[in-house]
Protein backbone atom coordinates (compact mmCIF):
# COMPACT_ATOMS: atom_id res chain seq x y z
CA MET A 1 154.26 38.73 -21.64
CA GLN A 2 156.14 41.36 -19.54
CA TYR A 3 155.08 44.61 -18.77
CA SER A 4 156.89 47.50 -19.84
CA GLY A 5 156.22 50.04 -17.20
CA TRP A 6 156.54 49.99 -13.46
CA PRO A 7 154.64 48.15 -10.34
CA GLU A 8 152.56 50.38 -7.60
CA SER A 9 152.78 50.18 -3.95
CA GLY A 10 150.86 47.58 -2.46
CA GLU A 11 150.41 45.20 -5.68
CA LEU A 12 151.66 41.85 -5.11
CA VAL A 13 154.72 40.58 -7.63
CA VAL A 14 156.46 37.35 -8.55
CA GLY A 15 159.94 37.39 -8.74
CA GLU A 16 162.96 35.04 -8.76
CA VAL A 17 165.88 35.35 -6.32
CA ASP A 18 168.51 37.17 -7.74
CA GLU A 19 170.94 37.61 -5.04
CA ILE A 20 171.47 37.32 -2.07
CA GLU A 21 173.60 39.39 0.74
CA ASP A 22 173.72 40.08 4.53
CA PHE A 23 171.27 43.29 4.25
CA GLY A 24 168.77 41.92 1.90
CA VAL A 25 167.85 40.19 -1.12
CA PHE A 26 167.59 41.29 -5.16
CA VAL A 27 164.48 40.04 -6.57
CA ASP A 28 164.17 40.09 -10.30
CA LEU A 29 160.73 40.79 -11.34
CA LYS A 30 158.70 38.37 -13.17
CA GLU A 31 155.91 40.44 -14.73
CA TYR A 32 157.86 43.78 -15.29
CA GLU A 33 160.52 43.77 -18.07
CA ASP A 34 163.90 44.95 -16.84
CA LYS A 35 162.62 45.35 -13.15
CA ARG A 36 164.37 44.41 -9.96
CA GLY A 37 163.52 44.80 -6.34
CA LEU A 38 164.91 44.75 -3.08
CA THR A 39 163.75 43.14 -0.08
CA HIS A 40 165.60 44.23 2.94
CA VAL A 41 166.67 41.75 5.57
CA SER A 42 163.67 42.80 7.72
CA GLU A 43 161.34 42.08 5.46
CA VAL A 44 162.59 38.91 4.25
CA ALA A 45 160.62 36.71 7.25
CA SER A 46 159.08 38.04 10.57
CA GLY A 47 161.35 37.90 14.04
CA TRP A 48 165.07 38.17 14.04
CA ILE A 49 167.08 36.56 11.12
CA LYS A 50 170.85 35.28 11.65
CA ASN A 51 171.22 34.16 8.11
CA VAL A 52 169.33 34.98 5.22
CA ARG A 53 169.97 31.78 3.30
CA ASP A 54 168.26 29.89 6.09
CA HIS A 55 164.94 31.67 4.40
CA VAL A 56 165.45 31.82 0.85
CA ARG A 57 168.12 31.07 -1.95
CA GLU A 58 169.27 31.81 -5.37
CA GLY A 59 166.74 31.01 -8.18
CA GLN A 60 163.66 30.55 -5.66
CA THR A 61 160.47 32.10 -6.86
CA VAL A 62 159.09 34.36 -4.34
CA VAL A 63 155.79 36.50 -4.12
CA ALA A 64 156.89 39.80 -2.52
CA LYS A 65 154.60 43.35 -1.76
CA VAL A 66 155.69 46.14 -3.52
CA LEU A 67 156.20 48.60 -0.41
CA ASP A 68 157.54 51.51 -2.23
CA VAL A 69 158.67 52.43 -6.20
CA ASP A 70 160.81 55.69 -7.08
CA GLU A 71 161.04 55.35 -10.84
CA ASP A 72 163.51 58.50 -10.23
CA ALA A 73 166.26 56.42 -8.35
CA GLN A 74 165.22 52.91 -10.23
CA GLN A 75 164.56 51.29 -6.88
CA ILE A 76 161.47 49.22 -5.92
CA ASP A 77 161.33 48.05 -2.41
CA LEU A 78 159.82 44.75 -1.31
CA SER A 79 158.58 42.56 1.17
CA ILE A 80 158.37 38.78 1.28
CA LYS A 81 156.92 38.47 4.86
CA ASP A 82 154.29 40.41 4.49
CA VAL A 83 152.40 37.80 2.06
CA ASN A 84 150.77 35.16 3.54
CA ASP A 85 150.32 31.96 2.39
CA HIS A 86 146.48 32.23 0.66
CA GLN A 87 148.28 35.51 -1.08
CA ARG A 88 151.25 33.84 -2.03
CA SER A 89 148.96 30.55 -3.88
CA ASP A 90 146.20 32.81 -5.50
CA LYS A 91 149.54 34.95 -6.88
CA ILE A 92 151.32 32.20 -8.23
CA GLN A 93 148.26 30.81 -9.74
CA GLU A 94 147.47 33.91 -11.50
CA TRP A 95 150.85 34.10 -12.41
CA LYS A 96 150.48 30.71 -14.37
CA ASN A 97 147.92 31.59 -16.31
CA GLU A 98 148.87 34.60 -17.47
CA GLN A 99 152.07 32.48 -18.81
CA LYS A 100 149.50 29.88 -20.36
CA ALA A 101 147.72 32.69 -22.21
CA ASP A 102 151.43 33.91 -23.63
CA ASN A 103 151.32 30.63 -24.96
CA TRP A 104 147.89 30.69 -26.22
CA MET A 105 148.63 34.13 -28.05
CA LEU A 106 151.60 32.70 -30.05
CA LEU A 107 149.50 29.43 -31.28
CA ALA A 108 146.86 32.24 -31.79
CA PHE A 109 148.94 34.37 -34.34
CA GLY A 110 151.82 32.75 -34.43
CA GLU A 111 155.94 32.33 -32.58
CA ASP A 112 156.98 35.06 -35.23
CA ILE A 113 154.12 37.98 -34.40
CA GLY A 114 156.01 41.03 -33.81
CA ASP A 115 155.73 43.35 -30.30
CA ASP A 116 153.84 45.68 -31.55
CA GLU A 117 151.56 43.19 -32.80
CA TYR A 118 151.42 41.87 -29.86
CA ALA A 119 150.84 44.46 -27.25
CA ARG A 120 148.14 45.91 -29.39
CA ILE A 121 145.95 43.07 -29.35
CA ALA A 122 147.04 42.01 -25.43
CA ASN A 123 146.36 45.63 -24.90
CA GLU A 124 142.57 45.28 -26.26
CA LEU A 125 142.26 42.15 -23.73
CA LEU A 126 143.75 43.59 -20.93
CA ALA A 127 141.44 46.88 -21.33
CA GLU A 128 138.35 44.62 -21.41
CA PHE A 129 138.95 41.70 -19.12
CA GLY A 130 142.16 42.67 -17.21
CA SER A 131 144.11 39.94 -17.88
CA LEU A 132 144.88 37.97 -20.64
CA TYR A 133 143.85 34.85 -19.40
CA ALA A 134 140.38 36.19 -18.46
CA GLY A 135 139.92 37.43 -21.85
CA PHE A 136 140.81 33.89 -23.38
CA GLU A 137 138.57 32.25 -20.99
CA GLU A 138 135.08 34.68 -21.98
CA ALA A 139 136.23 33.77 -25.49
CA ALA A 140 136.11 30.12 -24.72
CA ILE A 141 132.91 30.69 -23.01
CA HIS A 142 131.20 33.31 -25.03
CA GLY A 143 132.72 32.75 -28.18
CA HIS A 144 132.52 36.32 -30.40
CA GLU A 145 130.28 38.05 -28.69
CA ALA A 146 132.67 38.64 -25.93
CA LEU A 147 135.18 40.17 -27.71
CA GLU A 148 132.86 42.39 -29.64
CA PRO A 149 133.52 45.59 -27.05
CA THR A 150 137.59 45.49 -28.16
CA ASP A 151 138.11 47.33 -31.00
CA LEU A 152 139.97 43.86 -32.28
CA ASP A 153 139.41 43.16 -36.27
CA ASP A 154 137.19 40.26 -37.24
CA ASP A 155 140.71 38.21 -37.90
CA ASP A 156 142.05 38.87 -34.49
CA ILE A 157 138.81 37.76 -32.94
CA ASP A 158 138.67 34.42 -35.06
CA ALA A 159 141.89 33.32 -34.23
CA LEU A 160 141.10 34.11 -30.35
CA VAL A 161 137.87 32.32 -30.10
CA GLU A 162 139.11 29.35 -32.10
CA THR A 163 142.78 28.91 -29.82
CA ALA A 164 140.48 29.57 -26.59
CA ARG A 165 138.05 26.96 -27.11
CA GLU A 166 140.92 24.30 -28.69
CA ASN A 167 142.83 25.09 -25.05
CA VAL A 168 140.90 26.57 -22.20
CA SER A 169 139.60 24.29 -19.46
CA VAL A 170 136.37 26.35 -18.60
CA PRO A 171 135.01 26.03 -14.93
CA TYR A 172 131.27 24.97 -15.22
CA VAL A 173 128.35 24.89 -12.59
CA ASN A 174 125.41 22.28 -12.98
CA VAL A 175 121.58 23.30 -11.86
CA THR A 176 118.90 20.70 -12.12
CA GLY A 177 115.00 21.44 -11.79
CA TYR A 178 111.76 19.01 -12.62
CA VAL A 179 108.99 19.85 -14.50
CA ASP A 180 105.58 17.89 -14.34
CA LEU A 181 103.90 17.52 -17.99
CA GLU A 182 100.26 15.98 -17.72
CA CYS A 183 98.00 16.03 -20.71
CA GLY A 184 94.39 14.03 -20.35
CA THR A 185 93.23 14.84 -24.15
CA SER A 186 93.71 12.17 -26.91
CA GLU A 187 96.81 13.98 -27.99
CA GLY A 188 98.16 13.49 -24.77
CA VAL A 189 101.39 11.52 -25.87
CA ASP A 190 101.92 13.98 -28.48
CA ALA A 191 101.60 16.91 -26.44
CA VAL A 192 104.13 15.92 -24.05
CA LYS A 193 106.47 14.87 -27.00
CA GLU A 194 106.16 18.48 -27.83
CA ALA A 195 106.67 19.75 -24.67
CA LEU A 196 109.61 17.84 -24.10
CA GLN A 197 111.00 18.95 -27.39
CA ALA A 198 110.34 22.57 -26.65
CA ALA A 199 112.09 22.02 -23.11
CA GLU A 200 115.31 21.16 -25.07
CA GLY A 201 115.02 24.29 -27.07
CA ASN A 202 114.54 23.30 -30.33
CA GLY A 203 118.12 23.68 -31.30
CA GLU A 204 118.37 27.17 -29.54
CA VAL A 205 119.95 26.70 -26.81
CA PRO A 206 123.78 28.60 -26.55
CA ASP A 207 126.71 26.64 -27.62
CA GLU A 208 128.25 27.17 -23.63
CA VAL A 209 125.20 25.60 -22.47
CA ASP A 210 124.56 21.97 -22.20
CA LEU A 211 120.80 20.95 -21.54
CA GLU A 212 119.63 17.91 -21.23
CA VAL A 213 115.70 16.35 -20.21
CA THR A 214 115.33 13.16 -18.82
CA TYR A 215 112.28 11.16 -18.02
CA VAL A 216 111.81 10.83 -13.78
CA GLY A 217 108.55 8.90 -13.20
CA SER A 218 105.19 10.18 -14.91
CA PRO A 219 104.27 12.88 -15.10
CA GLU A 220 107.94 14.25 -13.88
CA TYR A 221 110.74 15.15 -16.21
CA ARG A 222 114.43 16.16 -14.72
CA ILE A 223 115.76 19.22 -16.57
CA LYS A 224 119.94 19.11 -16.06
CA VAL A 225 121.82 22.23 -17.37
CA ARG A 226 125.40 23.11 -17.21
CA ALA A 227 126.91 26.52 -18.12
CA PRO A 228 129.66 28.68 -17.28
CA ASN A 229 128.17 30.45 -14.35
CA TYR A 230 125.35 30.08 -12.15
CA LYS A 231 123.39 32.97 -14.02
CA THR A 232 123.25 31.68 -17.13
CA ALA A 233 122.54 28.02 -15.71
CA GLU A 234 119.83 29.45 -13.57
CA SER A 235 118.07 31.29 -16.46
CA GLN A 236 118.40 28.55 -19.28
CA LEU A 237 116.75 26.20 -16.82
CA GLU A 238 113.88 28.62 -16.23
CA ASP A 239 113.29 29.31 -19.75
CA SER A 240 113.67 25.72 -20.21
CA ALA A 241 110.72 25.00 -18.34
CA ASP A 242 108.37 27.61 -19.44
CA ARG A 243 109.01 26.53 -22.90
CA ALA A 244 107.67 23.07 -21.47
CA VAL A 245 104.78 24.25 -19.47
CA ALA A 246 103.80 26.86 -22.62
CA ALA A 247 103.64 24.04 -25.08
CA ILE A 248 101.66 21.56 -22.88
CA GLU A 249 99.09 24.32 -22.39
CA GLU A 250 98.76 25.29 -25.44
CA ILE A 251 97.21 21.52 -26.06
CA GLY A 252 95.13 21.64 -23.50
CA GLY A 253 97.61 19.76 -20.81
CA THR A 254 99.11 21.39 -17.73
CA GLY A 255 102.41 21.73 -16.48
CA GLY A 256 104.28 23.41 -13.61
CA PHE A 257 108.12 23.98 -12.50
CA HIS A 258 109.76 23.11 -9.36
CA ARG A 259 113.39 22.50 -7.75
CA GLU A 260 112.93 19.67 -5.94
CA ARG A 261 112.44 15.79 -6.69
CA ARG A 262 108.87 14.34 -5.82
CA THR A 263 108.77 11.02 -7.65
CA GLU A 264 110.43 8.11 -5.48
CA GLU A 265 113.76 7.27 -6.59
CA GLU A 266 114.13 4.68 -9.54
């Protein structure tokens, strides 16, 4: 996917060195349709430059900072030296992610999708999430719910979610807590079993969350939650513990949640 407009001053762009002259370097912008920028020799590298080719070569992929845009003159001034290693790495990764998302769009809607149709769907994702990749990532994590704020129709959303969940590697976080469950009545064993079932959610845990409850040592049980982000993980952990405690107390037992383990290591 390439943008049809112009980059903004201060923006970082990915480009390919197309032509090298003594006065500077011409760069084809990868993210913008039919756009080419010029990096003056003084903006190629810090310090005195004897030979521009000592610093760049034709065909090289570079990250540059947009210094100025003159649409009337069809001119984009760039700086390569003003981009540090961290910015360069992050921008290249962002660009690669968008290339992946572009391929996922073709998987979702077919390689023969028209430009107007592609733009319609892509613009909805860009408006809501800021990038195609972020849109696919949210669709992989939260499914149809993530795309409800857009104006995409049900068929679009179905295709995006299905493709996202088959192709996107979602970053996850893990959190752990512990719950003590005790019941001294004759129904104690069954009461603990019911409390553990409640902790596991009785099938109501969201699809994007993995929740596991395991025995540590009487009366302690470990709750492990794997979720797309810490907010969701912490919320699911606390909800799981609350369900277990409520279930055991309803049958006459006692329960309590704590973050650190209290029993000895197995």
